[in-house]
Amino acid sequence: DQIKAALVAEYGDRVLATPRSEGIGLAAWVVPTAAFLAACALIAAAALRWRRRRPQAGQPAAATAPAGDSDRLDADLERYEL
């Protein structure tokens, strides 16, 4: 603390290279912290949303083919002797 006080006395507050915890200097502490927390919240929300969208184990995936394709596939498979 004595060294810091001596440096501040000789060179001014800027020598410490830390913003003050009042006024506009407070924003230098609050804004990055808030941005980090907001980014974490967005990542968590996106992960939860992505996880809900995936089919659960044991549940069949939703059919994405149009109804006509199923009939055509059945007709094509009947042509082959499997």
Protein backbone atom coordinates (compact mmCIF):
# COMPACT_ATOMS: atom_id res chain seq x y z
CA ASP A 1 0.00 0.00 0.00
CA GLN A 2 2.90 2.35 0.74
CA ILE A 3 4.43 1.67 -2.66
CA LYS A 4 1.13 2.31 -4.40
CA ALA A 5 0.65 5.52 -2.40
CA ALA A 6 4.13 6.68 -3.35
CA LEU A 7 3.55 5.93 -7.04
CA VAL A 8 0.19 7.73 -6.98
CA ALA A 9 1.80 10.72 -5.26
CA GLU A 10 4.53 10.88 -7.89
CA TYR A 11 2.66 9.95 -11.09
CA GLY A 12 -1.03 10.37 -10.29
CA ASP A 13 -3.98 7.94 -10.21
CA ARG A 14 -3.38 6.74 -13.76
CA VAL A 15 -0.29 4.80 -12.69
CA LEU A 16 -2.48 2.18 -11.01
CA ALA A 17 -4.28 1.47 -14.31
CA THR A 18 -7.52 0.58 -12.53
CA PRO A 19 -10.74 2.52 -12.86
CA ARG A 20 -12.20 4.16 -9.81
CA SER A 21 -15.21 2.53 -8.24
CA GLU A 22 -17.33 5.65 -8.58
CA GLY A 23 -18.87 7.61 -11.42
CA ILE A 24 -17.92 6.60 -14.95
CA GLY A 25 -15.14 4.37 -13.60
CA LEU A 26 -17.83 2.20 -12.03
CA ALA A 27 -19.13 1.45 -15.51
CA ALA A 28 -15.72 -0.01 -16.36
CA TRP A 29 -16.36 -2.64 -13.69
CA VAL A 30 -20.11 -3.16 -14.17
CA VAL A 31 -20.47 -3.29 -17.97
CA PRO A 32 -18.02 -6.16 -18.66
CA THR A 33 -19.42 -8.14 -15.73
CA ALA A 34 -22.99 -7.61 -16.93
CA ALA A 35 -22.01 -8.51 -20.51
CA PHE A 36 -20.35 -11.71 -19.32
CA LEU A 37 -23.39 -12.72 -17.26
CA ALA A 38 -25.74 -11.92 -20.16
CA ALA A 39 -23.62 -14.03 -22.54
CA CYS A 40 -23.68 -16.93 -20.08
CA ALA A 41 -27.46 -16.64 -19.78
CA LEU A 42 -27.88 -16.60 -23.57
CA ILE A 43 -25.65 -19.65 -23.98
CA ALA A 44 -27.57 -21.50 -21.28
CA ALA A 45 -30.94 -20.58 -22.85
CA ALA A 46 -29.74 -21.69 -26.29
CA ALA A 47 -28.46 -24.98 -24.90
CA LEU A 48 -31.75 -25.68 -23.13
CA ARG A 49 -33.71 -24.83 -26.26
CA TRP A 50 -31.46 -27.06 -28.39
CA ARG A 51 -31.78 -29.91 -25.91
CA ARG A 52 -35.59 -29.71 -25.86
CA ARG A 53 -35.69 -29.83 -29.65
CA ARG A 54 -33.77 -33.13 -29.81
CA PRO A 55 -35.91 -36.28 -29.58
CA GLN A 56 -35.61 -38.13 -26.28
CA ALA A 57 -34.24 -41.67 -26.18
CA GLY A 58 -36.96 -44.20 -26.90
CA GLN A 59 -39.16 -41.72 -28.74
CA PRO A 60 -39.37 -41.97 -32.50
CA ALA A 61 -38.18 -38.95 -34.43
CA ALA A 62 -40.90 -36.89 -36.07
CA ALA A 63 -41.63 -37.88 -39.65
CA THR A 64 -40.36 -35.19 -41.97
CA ALA A 65 -41.27 -36.74 -45.33
CA PRO A 66 -44.49 -35.66 -47.06
CA ALA A 67 -47.36 -38.17 -46.98
CA GLY A 68 -47.06 -39.00 -50.71
CA ASP A 69 -43.45 -40.08 -50.30
CA SER A 70 -44.42 -42.84 -47.89
CA ASP A 71 -46.85 -44.33 -50.41
CA ARG A 72 -44.28 -44.12 -53.18
CA LEU A 73 -41.66 -45.81 -51.00
CA ASP A 74 -44.06 -48.65 -50.19
CA ALA A 75 -44.79 -49.11 -53.89
CA ASP A 76 -41.08 -49.13 -54.75
CA LEU A 77 -40.31 -51.70 -52.04
CA GLU A 78 -43.07 -53.99 -53.29
CA ARG A 79 -41.31 -54.21 -56.64
CA TYR A 80 -38.32 -55.85 -55.00
CA GLU A 81 -38.31 -59.27 -53.43
CA LEU A 82 -36.78 -58.65 -50.06
